[in-house]
């Protein structure tokens, strides 16, 4: 069975600033809870494949994600490999 997790968060900042912060996937370990590391595996103007490592209470988890950027509109992150 395929599972989908959707996270939506409203914050009171200009869209361009929020987009810029979220688009810097390589900096997630600095501000996203439990993200231990991020490695960019491939990148072009509107897509990126990244490997993320998370610390969990039981063990470390690694996933690969496909990140699609729609500049100053949305960032879609889809898991393409890993445990969850």
Protein backbone atom coordinates (compact mmCIF):
# COMPACT_ATOMS: atom_id res chain seq x y z
CA UNK A 1 0.00 0.00 0.00
CA UNK A 2 1.35 3.41 -0.98
CA UNK A 3 1.36 6.00 1.80
CA UNK A 4 1.38 9.76 1.41
CA UNK A 5 2.43 12.25 4.03
CA UNK A 6 1.55 15.87 3.43
CA UNK A 7 2.95 18.65 5.56
CA UNK A 8 1.68 22.18 5.25
CA UNK A 9 2.90 24.99 7.47
CA UNK A 10 1.88 28.64 7.36
CA UNK A 11 4.45 31.21 8.42
CA UNK A 12 4.31 34.99 8.44
CA UNK A 13 7.21 35.91 6.11
CA UNK A 14 7.36 37.01 2.48
CA UNK A 15 7.05 34.07 0.08
CA UNK A 16 10.43 34.78 -1.54
CA UNK A 17 12.21 34.46 1.82
CA UNK A 18 10.40 31.26 2.81
CA UNK A 19 11.09 29.74 -0.61
CA UNK A 20 14.78 30.63 -0.46
CA UNK A 21 15.21 28.99 2.97
CA UNK A 22 13.33 25.79 2.10
CA UNK A 23 15.10 25.52 -1.28
CA UNK A 24 18.50 25.28 0.44
CA UNK A 25 18.11 21.56 1.09
CA UNK A 26 21.81 21.15 1.88
CA UNK A 27 21.31 23.35 4.97
CA UNK A 28 18.47 21.26 6.47
CA UNK A 29 20.74 19.80 9.19
CA UNK A 30 21.06 23.35 10.57
CA UNK A 31 17.33 23.85 11.21
CA UNK A 32 15.24 20.73 10.50
CA UNK A 33 14.88 18.52 13.59
CA UNK A 34 16.56 15.10 13.40
CA UNK A 35 18.21 15.72 9.99
CA UNK A 36 21.79 14.59 10.50
CA UNK A 37 23.19 15.17 7.00
CA UNK A 38 22.25 15.91 3.39
CA UNK A 39 24.21 14.98 0.28
CA UNK A 40 23.18 16.37 -3.11
CA UNK A 41 23.49 13.53 -5.63
CA UNK A 42 22.27 15.37 -8.74
CA UNK A 43 20.99 18.86 -9.45
CA UNK A 44 19.74 21.03 -12.31
CA UNK A 45 17.68 24.24 -12.49
CA UNK A 46 14.39 22.79 -11.25
CA UNK A 47 15.15 19.36 -9.76
CA UNK A 48 17.50 17.77 -7.30
CA UNK A 49 18.14 14.28 -5.95
CA UNK A 50 19.35 14.33 -2.37
CA UNK A 51 20.23 11.72 0.22
CA UNK A 52 19.15 12.64 3.74
CA UNK A 53 20.17 10.95 6.99
CA UNK A 54 17.91 11.21 10.02
CA UNK A 55 18.51 10.36 13.66
CA UNK A 56 15.63 8.43 15.15
CA UNK A 57 15.20 7.04 18.64
CA UNK A 58 15.84 3.50 17.43
CA UNK A 59 18.40 3.93 14.63
CA UNK A 60 19.67 6.15 11.84
CA UNK A 61 17.59 6.28 8.66
CA UNK A 62 18.73 7.24 5.16
CA UNK A 63 16.38 8.20 2.35
CA UNK A 64 16.76 9.55 -1.14
CA UNK A 65 14.42 12.26 -2.32
CA UNK A 66 13.50 13.91 -5.59
CA UNK A 67 13.03 17.62 -4.98
CA UNK A 68 11.13 19.65 -7.59
CA UNK A 69 11.31 23.43 -7.46
CA UNK A 70 8.61 25.79 -8.78
CA UNK A 71 10.37 29.09 -8.12
CA UNK A 72 8.69 31.23 -5.49
CA UNK A 73 5.60 28.97 -5.62
CA UNK A 74 6.30 25.52 -4.21
CA UNK A 75 8.87 22.87 -3.44
CA UNK A 76 7.76 19.25 -3.74
CA UNK A 77 9.86 16.60 -2.01
CA UNK A 78 9.13 12.96 -2.91
CA UNK A 79 10.92 10.04 -1.33
CA UNK A 80 12.32 7.72 -4.00
CA UNK A 81 14.25 5.32 -1.75
CA UNK A 82 14.48 4.47 1.91
CA UNK A 83 12.76 3.15 4.96
CA UNK A 84 9.70 5.29 5.73
